[in-house]
Amino acid sequence: MIAAAFAIPGDLDLPTGGYAYDREVLKRFPRDGVSLTHLALPAGFPAPTDLQVRKALDALAATAPQTLLLVDGLALGALPAEGLAALNRRLVALIHHPLALEEGLSAGNQARLAISERAALAQCVHVIATSPSTGRTLCRDFGVDPARLTIALPGSAQVARAPADGSPAHLLAVGSLIPRKGYDVLLEALGRLKGFAWSLTIIGSLELNPATVAQVRALIAAYGLEARITLAGALPAQDLAQAFAGCDLFVHPSLFEGYGMVLAEAMRHGLPMICTTGGAANETVPDRAALKVPPGDVEALAGALRICLLSPKERRRLADAAFAAGQMLPGWDDTAHLIAGALTGAAALETLP
């Protein structure tokens, strides 16, 4: 049995797609001759203090010498390459999306994170990315050798198809309230559609970025949409599933996605969808299954919303295509199998970087 530790910063139960991915993977080990245990790293990443960096490196160093170290990219890209090299261990990176591509960073912080992540990835014997789009970005911009790259798409579970036929239409958006999710764009678009009948629930953490939450609340008030829009915060899985089941139109205005797990959930439920082409979202959702708009384009998003609000027939067409696409998506066992294979290959390598 190959022993591996999955190093993840902060609270594993945080309600984000990246942490959900990590939780689902951990649940499915041991398998395929590999054991995988959770190794908790300090919170604070991707902007850790010096003390948090030292504690993270100490935690990695304290594992048994033959243990493979699978490190979540939220921490890996912010750890110093020299500290990783000093571990003299087999490191495997799991990258949801490059840290430097997060929205809201200054140009200086983006450049610093890009340099740091590229150097950290050079210390890894293998890299796992959660989408082909992210994999291409890592090879093109971060020096990752395609020969040492595995794509392990997030899994999703089979669910009952949602009716998605309510009137007036109830819209759903899911994702933490952070700059990258583009909620300001969505609210600006909906502000142009006050003459149409609709309501919206936004599900996602209100704790990660107070400035974004304040901006969203201000826009809701500015457009007089308080009676139509609910900020539900983060919800447990059962309540989230009920929200998908009761939705008539799924809207995802994200500026960039490393994969977009909520898009897969929406397809599984057979929901008509509007999404952007930001990052991997354009590949995650087939063209026939959604109306797609450029990220950050208020007018294009308002136009797509107008089409769907005016045409139940168009919503049904999109819903049928989304449900068909959802049946082709991988499950979490498929994801775990790919990760186990990557770890097995990493363990067999004779030399470190």
Protein backbone atom coordinates (compact mmCIF):
# COMPACT_ATOMS: atom_id res chain seq x y z
CA MET A 1 0.00 0.00 0.00
CA ILE A 2 1.34 3.40 -1.02
CA ALA A 3 0.97 5.92 1.81
CA ALA A 4 0.05 9.48 0.85
CA ALA A 5 -1.02 12.55 2.80
CA PHE A 6 -3.33 15.20 1.37
CA ALA A 7 -2.15 18.57 2.72
CA ILE A 8 -5.01 21.09 2.77
CA PRO A 9 -4.94 24.53 4.41
CA GLY A 10 -7.59 25.77 6.78
CA ASP A 11 -11.03 24.32 7.51
CA LEU A 12 -11.80 21.30 5.34
CA ASP A 13 -15.52 21.94 5.82
CA LEU A 14 -15.50 25.35 4.13
CA PRO A 15 -18.40 25.57 1.63
CA THR A 16 -16.40 26.15 -1.56
CA GLY A 17 -15.99 23.99 -4.64
CA GLY A 18 -12.31 23.42 -3.99
CA TYR A 19 -12.85 22.15 -0.48
CA ALA A 20 -15.82 20.05 -1.61
CA TYR A 21 -13.54 18.41 -4.19
CA ASP A 22 -10.96 17.63 -1.51
CA ARG A 23 -13.58 16.19 0.85
CA GLU A 24 -15.08 13.93 -1.80
CA VAL A 25 -11.66 12.62 -2.81
CA LEU A 26 -10.63 11.84 0.77
CA LYS A 27 -13.86 9.88 1.32
CA ARG A 28 -12.90 7.44 -1.43
CA PHE A 29 -9.55 6.28 -0.07
CA PRO A 30 -7.95 3.82 0.49
CA ARG A 31 -8.34 2.48 -3.03
CA ASP A 32 -6.26 1.04 -5.86
CA GLY A 33 -3.36 0.29 -3.53
CA VAL A 34 -3.13 3.85 -2.19
CA SER A 35 -4.03 5.23 1.24
CA LEU A 36 -4.69 8.96 1.49
CA THR A 37 -5.00 10.73 4.82
CA HIS A 38 -5.85 14.34 5.57
CA LEU A 39 -2.94 16.53 6.68
CA ALA A 40 -4.23 19.82 8.05
CA LEU A 41 -2.18 22.92 7.27
CA PRO A 42 -2.71 26.34 8.86
CA ALA A 43 -5.36 28.71 7.56
CA GLY A 44 -4.34 31.96 5.93
CA PHE A 45 -3.43 30.70 2.47
CA PRO A 46 -2.98 31.96 -0.21
CA ALA A 47 -1.74 34.98 1.78
CA PRO A 48 -0.09 33.33 4.80
CA THR A 49 1.99 34.97 7.49
CA ASP A 50 5.60 33.90 7.93
CA LEU A 51 4.52 31.87 10.95
CA GLN A 52 1.84 30.06 8.95
CA VAL A 53 4.39 29.23 6.25
CA ARG A 54 6.79 27.80 8.84
CA LYS A 55 4.03 25.74 10.45
CA ALA A 56 2.92 24.40 7.06
CA LEU A 57 6.45 23.34 6.11
CA ASP A 58 6.94 21.80 9.55
CA ALA A 59 3.71 19.80 9.15
CA LEU A 60 4.85 18.49 5.77
CA ALA A 61 8.29 17.60 7.15
CA ALA A 62 6.79 15.75 10.13
CA THR A 63 5.15 13.07 7.97
CA ALA A 64 6.83 9.68 7.60
CA PRO A 65 9.77 9.82 5.14
CA GLN A 66 8.19 7.52 2.55
CA THR A 67 4.82 9.30 2.55
CA LEU A 68 3.83 10.94 -0.72
CA LEU A 69 2.70 14.52 -0.20
CA LEU A 70 -0.32 15.63 -2.23
CA VAL A 71 -0.58 19.38 -1.64
CA ASP A 72 -3.64 21.46 -2.46
CA GLY A 73 -2.72 24.36 -4.72
CA LEU A 74 -4.28 26.91 -2.37
CA ALA A 75 -1.25 26.30 -0.14
CA LEU A 76 1.37 25.00 -2.56
CA GLY A 77 1.58 28.09 -4.74
CA ALA A 78 2.20 30.33 -1.73
CA LEU A 79 4.91 28.15 -0.16
CA PRO A 80 8.54 29.08 -0.88
CA ALA A 81 10.23 26.80 -3.40
CA GLU A 82 13.37 26.61 -1.29
CA GLY A 83 11.34 25.39 1.67
CA LEU A 84 9.67 22.73 -0.47
CA ALA A 85 13.02 21.63 -1.90
CA ALA A 86 14.48 21.30 1.60
CA LEU A 87 11.81 18.71 2.41
CA ASN A 88 13.49 16.33 -0.06
CA ARG A 89 10.13 14.62 -0.57
CA ARG A 90 7.94 13.50 -3.45
CA LEU A 91 5.43 16.30 -3.91
CA VAL A 92 2.30 16.12 -6.04
CA ALA A 93 0.29 19.29 -6.66
CA LEU A 94 -3.51 19.44 -6.91
CA ILE A 95 -4.42 22.66 -8.72
CA HIS A 96 -8.02 23.88 -8.87
CA HIS A 97 -6.96 27.08 -10.61
CA PRO A 98 -3.76 29.15 -10.48
CA LEU A 99 -3.67 31.52 -7.53
CA ALA A 100 -2.57 34.44 -9.69
CA LEU A 101 -5.81 34.22 -11.69
CA GLU A 102 -8.03 35.10 -8.73
CA GLU A 103 -9.96 38.31 -9.32
CA GLY A 104 -9.41 41.36 -7.17
CA LEU A 105 -5.62 41.05 -6.85
CA SER A 106 -3.33 43.96 -7.50
CA ALA A 107 -0.96 43.63 -10.44
CA GLY A 108 1.92 43.30 -8.00
CA ASN A 109 0.26 40.47 -6.06
CA GLN A 110 -0.68 38.69 -9.28
CA ALA A 111 2.93 38.80 -10.47
CA ARG A 112 4.25 37.67 -7.09
CA LEU A 113 1.86 34.72 -6.91
CA ALA A 114 2.60 33.69 -10.50
CA ILE A 115 6.34 33.58 -9.79
CA SER A 116 5.82 31.76 -6.50
CA GLU A 117 3.46 29.17 -7.98
CA ARG A 118 5.68 28.47 -10.97
CA ALA A 119 8.66 27.88 -8.66
CA ALA A 120 6.62 25.67 -6.33
CA LEU A 121 5.29 23.56 -9.20
CA ALA A 122 8.86 22.97 -10.36
CA GLN A 123 9.44 21.12 -7.07
CA CYS A 124 6.64 18.63 -7.80
CA VAL A 125 7.11 15.24 -9.42
CA HIS A 126 3.53 15.35 -10.73
CA VAL A 127 0.67 17.83 -11.10
CA ILE A 128 -3.06 17.11 -11.00
CA ALA A 129 -5.40 19.72 -12.51
CA THR A 130 -9.18 19.68 -12.19
CA SER A 131 -9.91 20.64 -15.80
CA PRO A 132 -8.26 20.54 -19.23
CA SER A 133 -8.40 24.34 -19.33
CA THR A 134 -6.46 24.64 -16.08
CA GLY A 135 -4.03 21.99 -17.29
CA ARG A 136 -3.31 23.94 -20.46
CA THR A 137 -2.76 27.11 -18.46
CA LEU A 138 -0.31 25.33 -16.17
CA CYS A 139 1.67 23.99 -19.12
CA ARG A 140 1.63 27.26 -21.05
CA ASP A 141 2.23 29.76 -18.26
CA PHE A 142 3.67 27.86 -15.30
CA GLY A 143 6.22 25.54 -16.85
CA VAL A 144 4.44 22.25 -16.15
CA ASP A 145 5.57 19.37 -18.37
CA PRO A 146 2.49 17.78 -20.02
CA ALA A 147 4.09 14.38 -19.40
CA ARG A 148 3.74 14.91 -15.64
CA LEU A 149 0.18 16.22 -15.73
CA THR A 150 -3.06 14.38 -14.89
CA ILE A 151 -6.54 15.83 -15.45
CA ALA A 152 -8.97 14.67 -12.75
CA LEU A 153 -12.35 16.28 -13.37
CA PRO A 154 -14.59 16.78 -10.34
CA GLY A 155 -17.24 14.14 -9.94
CA SER A 156 -20.93 14.63 -9.39
CA ALA A 157 -23.79 12.41 -8.28
CA GLN A 158 -26.85 11.26 -10.17
CA VAL A 159 -29.91 13.23 -9.06
CA ALA A 160 -33.55 13.49 -10.05
CA ARG A 161 -34.29 15.95 -12.82
CA ALA A 162 -35.72 19.27 -11.67
CA PRO A 163 -39.04 20.41 -13.20
CA ALA A 164 -37.62 23.88 -14.01
CA ASP A 165 -41.03 25.05 -15.22
CA GLY A 166 -42.15 27.60 -12.66
CA SER A 167 -43.81 30.90 -13.45
CA PRO A 168 -42.64 33.48 -12.68
CA ALA A 169 -39.15 32.10 -13.14
CA HIS A 170 -37.03 31.61 -10.03
CA LEU A 171 -33.34 32.15 -10.74
CA LEU A 172 -30.50 30.53 -8.81
CA ALA A 173 -26.83 31.48 -8.56
CA VAL A 174 -24.38 29.48 -6.44
CA GLY A 175 -20.91 30.52 -5.34
CA SER A 176 -19.18 32.39 -2.54
CA LEU A 177 -19.54 36.16 -2.64
CA ILE A 178 -16.05 36.98 -3.86
CA PRO A 179 -14.97 39.23 -6.77
CA ARG A 180 -14.32 36.34 -9.17
CA LYS A 181 -17.93 35.19 -9.10
CA GLY A 182 -19.18 38.29 -10.92
CA TYR A 183 -22.28 38.99 -8.86
CA ASP A 184 -21.97 42.71 -9.54
CA VAL A 185 -22.36 41.94 -13.25
CA LEU A 186 -25.44 39.81 -12.58
CA LEU A 187 -27.09 42.50 -10.48
CA GLU A 188 -26.36 45.20 -13.04
CA ALA A 189 -27.96 42.96 -15.67
CA LEU A 190 -31.02 42.22 -13.55
CA GLY A 191 -31.35 45.92 -12.80
CA ARG A 192 -32.15 46.33 -16.49
CA LEU A 193 -34.91 43.72 -16.28
CA LYS A 194 -37.11 45.07 -13.49
CA GLY A 195 -40.08 45.01 -15.85
CA PHE A 196 -39.95 41.21 -16.07
CA ALA A 197 -41.30 38.74 -13.51
CA TRP A 198 -38.47 36.90 -11.74
CA SER A 199 -36.89 36.23 -8.37
CA LEU A 200 -33.32 35.24 -7.48
CA THR A 201 -31.62 33.30 -4.71
CA ILE A 202 -27.85 33.59 -4.32
CA ILE A 203 -26.32 30.74 -2.31
CA GLY A 204 -22.73 31.10 -1.15
CA SER A 205 -20.58 32.13 1.75
CA LEU A 206 -21.01 35.69 3.00
CA GLU A 207 -17.87 35.42 5.14
CA LEU A 208 -14.96 35.27 2.70
CA ASN A 209 -14.98 38.80 1.27
CA PRO A 210 -16.93 41.43 3.24
CA ALA A 211 -16.24 44.09 0.60
CA THR A 212 -17.97 42.01 -2.08
CA VAL A 213 -20.92 41.34 0.21
CA ALA A 214 -21.26 45.07 0.89
CA GLN A 215 -21.08 45.80 -2.85
CA VAL A 216 -23.78 43.22 -3.60
CA ARG A 217 -26.08 44.56 -0.89
CA ALA A 218 -25.56 48.11 -2.15
CA LEU A 219 -26.45 47.14 -5.72
CA ILE A 220 -29.58 45.31 -4.58
CA ALA A 221 -30.66 48.42 -2.70
CA ALA A 222 -29.72 50.78 -5.53
CA TYR A 223 -31.95 48.91 -7.97
CA GLY A 224 -34.75 48.43 -5.43
CA LEU A 225 -34.55 44.64 -5.68
CA GLU A 226 -34.73 43.76 -1.99
CA ALA A 227 -38.07 41.97 -2.39
CA ARG A 228 -36.83 39.87 -5.30
CA ILE A 229 -33.34 38.77 -4.26
CA THR A 230 -32.40 36.53 -1.34
CA LEU A 231 -28.83 36.19 -0.09
CA ALA A 232 -29.08 32.76 1.51
CA GLY A 233 -25.45 32.39 2.57
CA ALA A 234 -23.76 29.00 2.58
CA LEU A 235 -26.21 26.10 2.90
CA PRO A 236 -25.79 22.45 3.88
CA ALA A 237 -25.81 19.92 1.06
CA GLN A 238 -29.44 18.88 1.55
CA ASP A 239 -30.71 22.46 1.39
CA LEU A 240 -28.52 23.18 -1.63
CA ALA A 241 -29.98 20.17 -3.42
CA GLN A 242 -33.49 21.44 -2.67
CA ALA A 243 -32.55 24.83 -4.11
CA PHE A 244 -31.39 23.21 -7.35
CA ALA A 245 -34.60 21.17 -7.50
CA GLY A 246 -36.76 24.28 -7.09
CA CYS A 247 -34.93 26.46 -9.59
CA ASP A 248 -36.22 27.44 -13.05
CA LEU A 249 -33.05 29.05 -14.46
CA PHE A 250 -29.46 28.68 -13.27
CA VAL A 251 -27.23 31.72 -13.76
CA HIS A 252 -23.45 31.66 -13.33
CA PRO A 253 -21.82 35.05 -13.98
CA SER A 254 -18.32 34.01 -12.88
CA LEU A 255 -15.40 35.88 -14.42
CA PHE A 256 -13.16 32.79 -14.28
CA GLU A 257 -13.54 29.14 -13.29
CA GLY A 258 -10.98 26.40 -12.83
CA TYR A 259 -13.81 23.95 -13.60
CA GLY A 260 -17.15 25.11 -12.18
CA MET A 261 -18.55 22.31 -10.03
CA VAL A 262 -21.89 24.06 -9.61
CA LEU A 263 -22.26 24.03 -13.39
CA ALA A 264 -21.98 20.25 -13.32
CA GLU A 265 -24.59 20.14 -10.55
CA ALA A 266 -26.94 22.29 -12.60
CA MET A 267 -26.53 20.00 -15.61
CA ARG A 268 -27.18 16.93 -13.45
CA HIS A 269 -30.45 18.54 -12.36
CA GLY A 270 -31.40 19.39 -15.94
CA LEU A 271 -31.59 23.12 -15.40
CA PRO A 272 -31.63 25.68 -18.20
CA MET A 273 -28.43 27.65 -17.81
CA ILE A 274 -26.79 30.97 -18.54
CA CYS A 275 -23.05 31.08 -17.91
CA THR A 276 -19.95 32.93 -19.00
CA THR A 277 -17.06 31.69 -21.09
CA GLY A 278 -14.61 32.52 -18.29
CA GLY A 279 -11.83 29.97 -17.85
CA ALA A 280 -12.94 26.35 -17.85
CA ALA A 281 -16.65 27.18 -17.69
CA ASN A 282 -16.76 27.37 -21.47
CA GLU A 283 -15.64 23.73 -21.69
CA THR A 284 -17.48 22.39 -18.67
CA VAL A 285 -20.85 23.26 -20.21
CA PRO A 286 -21.53 22.23 -23.83
CA ASP A 287 -22.66 25.08 -26.07
CA ARG A 288 -26.08 23.51 -26.60
CA ALA A 289 -26.74 23.35 -22.84
CA ALA A 290 -26.44 27.04 -21.98
CA LEU A 291 -26.62 30.55 -23.30
CA LYS A 292 -23.02 31.73 -22.94
CA VAL A 293 -21.83 35.30 -22.59
CA PRO A 294 -18.40 36.91 -22.22
CA PRO A 295 -17.34 37.38 -18.59
CA GLY A 296 -18.01 40.87 -17.29
CA ASP A 297 -20.40 41.81 -20.11
CA VAL A 298 -23.50 43.29 -18.47
CA GLU A 299 -25.41 43.88 -21.71
CA ALA A 300 -24.77 40.36 -23.02
CA LEU A 301 -25.89 38.83 -19.74
CA ALA A 302 -29.01 41.00 -19.66
CA GLY A 303 -29.78 39.91 -23.22
CA ALA A 304 -29.45 36.21 -22.37
CA LEU A 305 -31.63 36.64 -19.30
CA ARG A 306 -34.24 38.46 -21.38
CA ILE A 307 -34.37 35.59 -23.89
CA CYS A 308 -34.88 33.01 -21.16
CA LEU A 309 -37.44 35.04 -19.25
CA LEU A 310 -39.49 35.64 -22.40
CA SER A 311 -39.33 32.09 -23.77
CA PRO A 312 -40.31 29.02 -21.74
CA LYS A 313 -39.67 27.05 -24.95
CA GLU A 314 -36.03 28.19 -24.98
CA ARG A 315 -35.66 27.29 -21.31
CA ARG A 316 -37.02 23.81 -22.04
CA ARG A 317 -34.59 23.36 -24.93
CA LEU A 318 -31.68 24.34 -22.72
CA ALA A 319 -32.94 22.13 -19.89
CA ASP A 320 -33.16 19.06 -22.15
CA ALA A 321 -29.62 19.62 -23.43
CA ALA A 322 -28.25 20.25 -19.94
CA PHE A 323 -29.82 17.07 -18.57
CA ALA A 324 -28.43 15.00 -21.44
CA ALA A 325 -24.96 16.47 -20.87
CA GLY A 326 -25.22 15.85 -17.14
CA GLN A 327 -25.68 12.13 -17.66
CA MET A 328 -22.24 11.98 -19.30
CA LEU A 329 -20.35 13.57 -16.41
CA PRO A 330 -17.92 11.53 -14.29
CA GLY A 331 -18.63 10.41 -10.74
CA TRP A 332 -16.38 10.91 -7.73
CA ASP A 333 -15.10 7.33 -7.93
CA ASP A 334 -13.74 8.19 -11.38
CA THR A 335 -11.98 11.24 -9.93
CA ALA A 336 -10.45 9.26 -7.08
CA HIS A 337 -9.29 6.52 -9.46
CA LEU A 338 -7.39 9.06 -11.57
CA ILE A 339 -5.77 10.60 -8.50
CA ALA A 340 -4.77 7.17 -7.21
CA GLY A 341 -3.15 6.45 -10.56
CA ALA A 342 -1.23 9.73 -10.47
CA LEU A 343 0.01 9.01 -6.95
CA THR A 344 1.04 5.48 -7.92
CA GLY A 345 3.04 6.85 -10.83
CA ALA A 346 4.67 9.47 -8.62
CA ALA A 347 5.70 6.83 -6.10
CA ALA A 348 7.42 4.83 -8.84
CA LEU A 349 9.66 7.68 -10.02
CA GLU A 350 13.32 7.14 -9.27
CA THR A 351 14.43 10.77 -8.99
CA LEU A 352 13.13 14.00 -7.49
CA PRO A 353 12.96 17.24 -9.50
